[in-house]
Structures are given as C-alpha cells and as structure tokens.
C-alpha cells in the first residue's frame, strides 16, 4: 500500500500517528518528508495555469483585487 499525506507540519500530533498505526497495523513503514511548493503543484494543470497566472499579474499590479469585509470575524 502506498499513501501520501499532505499536511502542514503544525498538524502533526498524536492523532496523526494513531491514524498511521491504524492504516498500517503491524507493518514496517517508511516515512519521507519533503517541503511542498503549492504554487508549482497548482500550475502543473494547464487549466489552473491559464487562470492563475493572469490573476497573479492582476494582484501584482493592484487590479481586480477584492478585499472582503473582515469585521464579522473580529
């Protein structure tokens, strides 16, 4: 069995370890850790790239930027 878990390091806790133990009971496992670049991952898809690159250009130029009202979250 091969499984990839994608999570933030801050989410690593005892419950994560317990889930690994449950998924691989009495098995020897190998854990490899790599830092991910979400932007590169998202840009691999041509459809995503077509939408994201112009959006990045707009944000960098200050165009089409929407700032939602955050007062409800205070």
N, C-alpha and C. Protein backbone atom coordinates (compact mmCIF):
# COMPACT_ATOMS: atom_id res chain seq x y z
N UNK A 1 0.86 -1.19 0.00
CA UNK A 1 0.00 0.00 0.00
C UNK A 1 0.89 1.23 0.00
N UNK A 2 0.50 2.23 -0.77
CA UNK A 2 1.23 3.49 -0.87
C UNK A 2 0.25 4.62 -0.61
N UNK A 3 0.59 5.48 0.31
CA UNK A 3 -0.29 6.59 0.66
C UNK A 3 0.54 7.87 0.81
N UNK A 4 0.01 8.96 0.32
CA UNK A 4 0.65 10.26 0.51
C UNK A 4 -0.25 11.10 1.40
N UNK A 5 0.30 11.62 2.47
CA UNK A 5 -0.41 12.54 3.34
C UNK A 5 0.16 13.93 3.05
N UNK A 6 -0.70 14.87 2.78
CA UNK A 6 -0.25 16.25 2.55
C UNK A 6 -0.84 17.10 3.67
N UNK A 7 0.02 17.63 4.53
CA UNK A 7 -0.46 18.43 5.64
C UNK A 7 0.61 19.39 6.09
N UNK A 8 0.20 20.36 6.87
CA UNK A 8 1.11 21.34 7.45
C UNK A 8 1.80 20.70 8.65
N UNK A 9 3.06 21.00 8.86
CA UNK A 9 3.81 20.43 9.98
C UNK A 9 3.12 20.73 11.32
N UNK A 10 2.41 21.84 11.41
CA UNK A 10 1.70 22.19 12.65
C UNK A 10 0.56 21.21 12.96
N UNK A 11 0.15 20.43 11.96
CA UNK A 11 -0.94 19.47 12.16
C UNK A 11 -0.45 18.11 12.66
N UNK A 12 0.86 17.93 12.73
CA UNK A 12 1.40 16.66 13.22
C UNK A 12 1.17 16.56 14.72
N UNK A 13 0.45 15.53 15.12
CA UNK A 13 0.15 15.32 16.53
C UNK A 13 -0.07 13.84 16.78
N UNK A 14 -0.43 13.51 18.00
CA UNK A 14 -0.63 12.11 18.37
C UNK A 14 -1.73 11.45 17.54
N UNK A 15 -2.77 12.20 17.19
CA UNK A 15 -3.86 11.60 16.41
C UNK A 15 -3.39 11.22 15.00
N UNK A 16 -2.46 12.00 14.45
CA UNK A 16 -1.90 11.65 13.14
C UNK A 16 -1.13 10.33 13.24
N UNK A 17 -0.32 10.20 14.28
CA UNK A 17 0.42 8.96 14.47
C UNK A 17 -0.52 7.77 14.68
N UNK A 18 -1.57 7.99 15.41
CA UNK A 18 -2.55 6.92 15.62
C UNK A 18 -3.22 6.52 14.30
N UNK A 19 -3.48 7.49 13.43
CA UNK A 19 -4.09 7.17 12.14
C UNK A 19 -3.12 6.36 11.27
N UNK A 20 -1.81 6.67 11.36
CA UNK A 20 -0.83 5.87 10.63
C UNK A 20 -0.80 4.44 11.15
N UNK A 21 -0.81 4.30 12.47
CA UNK A 21 -0.80 2.96 13.06
C UNK A 21 -2.03 2.17 12.63
N UNK A 22 -3.17 2.82 12.56
CA UNK A 22 -4.42 2.15 12.16
C UNK A 22 -4.39 1.76 10.68
N UNK A 23 -3.78 2.60 9.86
CA UNK A 23 -3.72 2.32 8.43
C UNK A 23 -2.73 1.21 8.09
N UNK A 24 -1.69 1.07 8.90
CA UNK A 24 -0.63 0.10 8.64
C UNK A 24 -0.36 -0.75 9.89
N UNK A 25 -1.36 -1.49 10.37
CA UNK A 25 -1.15 -2.25 11.61
C UNK A 25 -0.08 -3.33 11.46
N UNK A 26 0.84 -3.34 12.40
CA UNK A 26 1.89 -4.36 12.49
C UNK A 26 2.77 -4.41 11.24
N UNK A 27 2.87 -3.31 10.52
CA UNK A 27 3.68 -3.26 9.30
C UNK A 27 4.88 -2.35 9.53
N UNK A 28 5.97 -2.64 8.83
CA UNK A 28 7.10 -1.72 8.82
C UNK A 28 6.79 -0.67 7.76
N UNK A 29 6.95 0.60 8.12
CA UNK A 29 6.65 1.68 7.16
C UNK A 29 7.87 2.56 6.99
N UNK A 30 7.87 3.31 5.92
CA UNK A 30 8.93 4.27 5.64
C UNK A 30 8.28 5.64 5.57
N UNK A 31 8.88 6.61 6.23
CA UNK A 31 8.34 7.97 6.21
C UNK A 31 9.39 8.87 5.57
N UNK A 32 9.01 9.54 4.48
CA UNK A 32 9.86 10.51 3.80
C UNK A 32 9.20 11.87 3.92
N UNK A 33 9.97 12.88 4.19
CA UNK A 33 9.42 14.22 4.37
C UNK A 33 10.00 15.15 3.31
N UNK A 34 9.13 15.92 2.66
CA UNK A 34 9.57 16.89 1.67
C UNK A 34 8.72 18.13 1.80
N UNK A 35 9.35 19.27 1.68
CA UNK A 35 8.62 20.53 1.68
C UNK A 35 7.96 20.68 0.31
N UNK A 36 6.71 21.11 0.28
CA UNK A 36 6.00 21.24 -0.99
C UNK A 36 5.85 22.70 -1.38
N UNK A 37 5.77 22.92 -2.66
CA UNK A 37 5.52 24.24 -3.22
C UNK A 37 4.14 24.19 -3.84
N UNK A 38 3.15 24.74 -3.16
CA UNK A 38 1.77 24.67 -3.63
C UNK A 38 1.59 25.35 -4.97
N UNK A 39 2.32 26.42 -5.20
CA UNK A 39 2.17 27.13 -6.47
C UNK A 39 2.59 26.24 -7.63
N UNK A 40 3.72 25.58 -7.50
CA UNK A 40 4.19 24.70 -8.57
C UNK A 40 3.19 23.56 -8.79
N UNK A 41 2.66 23.03 -7.71
CA UNK A 41 1.66 21.95 -7.82
C UNK A 41 0.44 22.42 -8.60
N UNK A 42 -0.07 23.60 -8.26
CA UNK A 42 -1.27 24.12 -8.91
C UNK A 42 -1.02 24.49 -10.37
N UNK A 43 0.19 24.95 -10.68
CA UNK A 43 0.50 25.37 -12.04
C UNK A 43 0.75 24.21 -12.99
N UNK A 44 0.83 22.98 -12.49
CA UNK A 44 1.04 21.82 -13.37
C UNK A 44 -0.14 21.59 -14.29
N UNK A 45 -1.32 21.97 -13.85
CA UNK A 45 -2.52 21.78 -14.66
C UNK A 45 -2.64 22.96 -15.64
N UNK A 46 -2.74 22.68 -16.94
CA UNK A 46 -2.89 23.78 -17.90
C UNK A 46 -4.11 24.66 -17.61
N UNK A 47 -5.21 24.06 -17.18
CA UNK A 47 -6.42 24.85 -16.88
C UNK A 47 -6.16 25.77 -15.68
N UNK A 48 -5.51 25.26 -14.64
CA UNK A 48 -5.19 26.11 -13.49
C UNK A 48 -4.23 27.22 -13.89
N UNK A 49 -3.19 26.86 -14.66
CA UNK A 49 -2.18 27.83 -15.07
C UNK A 49 -2.83 28.97 -15.85
N UNK A 50 -3.78 28.62 -16.73
CA UNK A 50 -4.46 29.62 -17.56
C UNK A 50 -5.20 30.65 -16.71
N UNK A 51 -5.73 30.22 -15.55
CA UNK A 51 -6.46 31.13 -14.67
C UNK A 51 -5.56 31.82 -13.65
N UNK A 52 -4.58 31.08 -13.13
CA UNK A 52 -3.76 31.61 -12.04
C UNK A 52 -2.75 32.66 -12.48
N UNK A 53 -2.08 32.44 -13.59
CA UNK A 53 -1.05 33.40 -14.00
C UNK A 53 -1.60 34.80 -14.25
N UNK A 54 -2.72 34.94 -14.97
CA UNK A 54 -3.29 36.29 -15.10
C UNK A 54 -3.73 36.87 -13.75
N UNK A 55 -4.21 36.03 -12.86
CA UNK A 55 -4.63 36.51 -11.55
C UNK A 55 -3.44 37.03 -10.76
N UNK A 56 -2.32 36.33 -10.82
CA UNK A 56 -1.10 36.78 -10.14
C UNK A 56 -0.66 38.12 -10.71
N UNK A 57 -0.70 38.25 -12.01
CA UNK A 57 -0.32 39.51 -12.66
C UNK A 57 -1.24 40.64 -12.19
N UNK A 58 -2.55 40.36 -12.11
CA UNK A 58 -3.50 41.37 -11.64
C UNK A 58 -3.20 41.79 -10.21
N UNK A 59 -2.95 40.84 -9.33
CA UNK A 59 -2.66 41.16 -7.93
C UNK A 59 -1.40 42.00 -7.83
N UNK A 60 -0.37 41.60 -8.55
CA UNK A 60 0.89 42.35 -8.52
C UNK A 60 0.71 43.78 -9.01
N UNK A 61 -0.22 43.99 -9.95
CA UNK A 61 -0.48 45.32 -10.49
C UNK A 61 -1.57 46.06 -9.71
N UNK A 62 -2.18 45.40 -8.73
CA UNK A 62 -3.23 46.04 -7.95
C UNK A 62 -4.57 46.11 -8.67
N UNK A 63 -4.76 45.29 -9.68
CA UNK A 63 -6.01 45.27 -10.45
C UNK A 63 -6.91 44.13 -9.99
N UNK A 64 -8.21 44.33 -10.08
CA UNK A 64 -9.20 43.29 -9.79
C UNK A 64 -9.00 42.63 -8.42
N UNK A 65 -8.54 43.40 -7.45
CA UNK A 65 -8.33 42.87 -6.10
C UNK A 65 -9.58 43.13 -5.28
N UNK A 66 -10.10 42.09 -4.66
CA UNK A 66 -11.30 42.20 -3.83
C UNK A 66 -10.86 41.99 -2.38
N UNK A 67 -11.20 42.95 -1.53
CA UNK A 67 -10.90 42.83 -0.11
C UNK A 67 -12.21 42.64 0.64
N UNK A 68 -12.50 41.42 1.10
CA UNK A 68 -13.76 41.17 1.79
C UNK A 68 -13.81 41.86 3.15
N UNK A 69 -15.00 42.14 3.57
CA UNK A 69 -15.24 42.75 4.88
C UNK A 69 -14.88 41.73 5.96
N UNK A 70 -13.91 42.01 6.79
CA UNK A 70 -13.45 41.09 7.83
C UNK A 70 -14.08 41.37 9.20
N UNK A 71 -14.94 42.37 9.29
CA UNK A 71 -15.48 42.76 10.59
C UNK A 71 -16.27 41.64 11.29
N UNK A 72 -16.84 40.75 10.52
CA UNK A 72 -17.62 39.65 11.12
C UNK A 72 -16.72 38.64 11.83
N UNK A 73 -15.43 38.67 11.56
CA UNK A 73 -14.51 37.70 12.14
C UNK A 73 -13.73 38.25 13.33
N UNK A 74 -14.04 39.43 13.77
CA UNK A 74 -13.31 40.05 14.90
C UNK A 74 -13.98 39.76 16.19
